Amino acid sequence: MSPKDRVPAAQAGPAGPADPEEDGPAAPSRAEPADAPDSGAAPGEGTPSRGGRTEEAGSAEEFPGQAAIEPAGPSARQAGRSGVGAGGAGRGLRPEVGRAGGTVPPGMKALVVVALVTVCCAGLNQVQNMVAPAFFALTLVLTVRPIHRWLVRKGLPPWLSGLSTMAALAAVLLGTVGLTVWSLVGLPDTLSKYKGSFEDIVRQLRDLAAKYDFDFDTAKLQDELLKNLDFDRILEMVSTLVNYLTSAGSLIALIALAMLFITVDTMTMDFRSRVLANHDSSLHEALCGFEGRVRQYWLVSTIFGIIVAVIDGIVLWFLDVPLPVAWVMVSFITNYIPNIGFVMGVIPPAVMALVDSGWVTAVWVIALYSIINFVIQGIFQPKITGDAVGLSTTITFLSLIFWTVVIGPLGAILAVPLTLFAKAVLVDSSPATRWLEVFLIPESEAKKRSEHGIYDEENPAADDFVDFMEAELGEQAKARREARRRQARKGARRQSLLRQTERQPER
């Protein structure tokens, strides 16, 4: 049939049935151009497709104001690919892709995510000596950034303010490491004096085991333990300590250099922050939340770690435990290790008290350490600062194991900051994935954030996290925070409108 033969049929005749599934006469269509290729299908027949199926032409009544256009040739194939038939029935070759992500099974998505995470972790493990110090330096610079802003507002040049802040931070870091090293220098010589006490303790354990009929080779155990306290073993410990100090010095130097370059590069971030907020407001809000949370984590851990360490030192001095300064520094450093840091901090002074003064003193050390840790970090700290991190206990513990395996010993200290960064980039950066946060935070916090509207994909509320350090620096910081939230809400509404437009069916 030629195009001219189809013109009268398109201008006259009854309308086809409204239901595209029924058989009936062809729907009226507009006159096609004279140069349109013939599709080879007569009026009333279905539009041919690649799979051998046909698509019935719908009626003009289905879409008021529009006449059904009969696709021909390549246009018919294009209509089939777009999922819109000749009459707008939407029965294309490909199934409609829904909000859940199309036809890809959820298990396959999870498998792909696990594979990508495995590859990324393997890469991080290979460059751990570079990534861990650089990230540590970044979090330290973010922690003291409000001080830099405050100095600039007071009239100090940005370069001088940044240099002063970095120098003070480096001095604190070097002072902490230096004091720890100095306090542990005499440890091998001190341990060598307690060989006889250690033999007595092992003998008491052997007698206790024999009394209760425990069957194990205590003589072999005694020989193995005592062998580690001979003179050669002490020399080996000294050599290991020297090697560790050398490695720590290189690590501190790398961290200091990273802090220098990061400080210079981030003296002013206003323009870059505005560009990010205009381009992706959700990611901007997530990174701002990460900055505030990691700052609060370091400050809270440092302040309460100092308080706990000082009280522990007073207890050790009162109980006359050798090397109290060394155990104070150990307690302070292990305070940054979540969940098990307290256990790692109490074992060395308890063992020293055991070999120096006996079982009673060791029990007193463990009991007083536990009481101090529970009262200060379990009662007072949450009342003063609330939940500074927002991660559940299980996630924190798993993060400790995971990051220690991936990036080495420094990962034990950076476990919480690294998890907060991964959460900000992978979860909080999009309203479509923000609901995954409920599996990472405590139940009460998830309920509160849900009521606040954080997990609403259409119109998500801004994060209500308050950075208490910036809040203490004046009204300008508060105004800046409110401006960030307004910008984030504006961007979220704009992205919500875009998503709604994309989800509307093609007409």
Foldseek 3Di string as FASTA:
>chain_A
DALVVCQVVLVDDDAFDQDQVDQDFAGRDHRDDRPDDAQPDDGRWFRQEPVRDGGGAHYCVNPPPHGQHQDGDPRQHVCLVQQAHRNRPSHHPADDADPVGRPDDPVVVVVVVVVVVVVVLQVCLVVLLQVLLLVVLVLLCLLCVVQLVLVVVVPDDLVVSLVVSLVVSLVVVVVLVVLLLVLCLCVLVVLLVLLVLVLVVLVVVVVVCVVVVPDDDSVVVSVVVSVCNDPVNSVVVNVVSVVVVVVVVVSSVSSSVSNVVVSVVVSDCVVVLVVCLVVALQLSLLVVVLSLLSSLLVVLLQVLLLVLLVVLLVLCVVLVQPSSSNLSSQSSVLSLQPPCSLVRSQVVSLVSCCSPPHDVSSVVSVVVSVVSCCCRVVPVSCVVPNPSQQFDNVQSVVLLVSQCVRNNPSSSNCSRSVVSVCCSVPARRALVRVLVCCVTGDVVVSVVLVVQQQNPRLQRARDPDDRVVLVVSDDVSVVVVVVSRVSSRVSSNVVSVVVVVVPDDDD
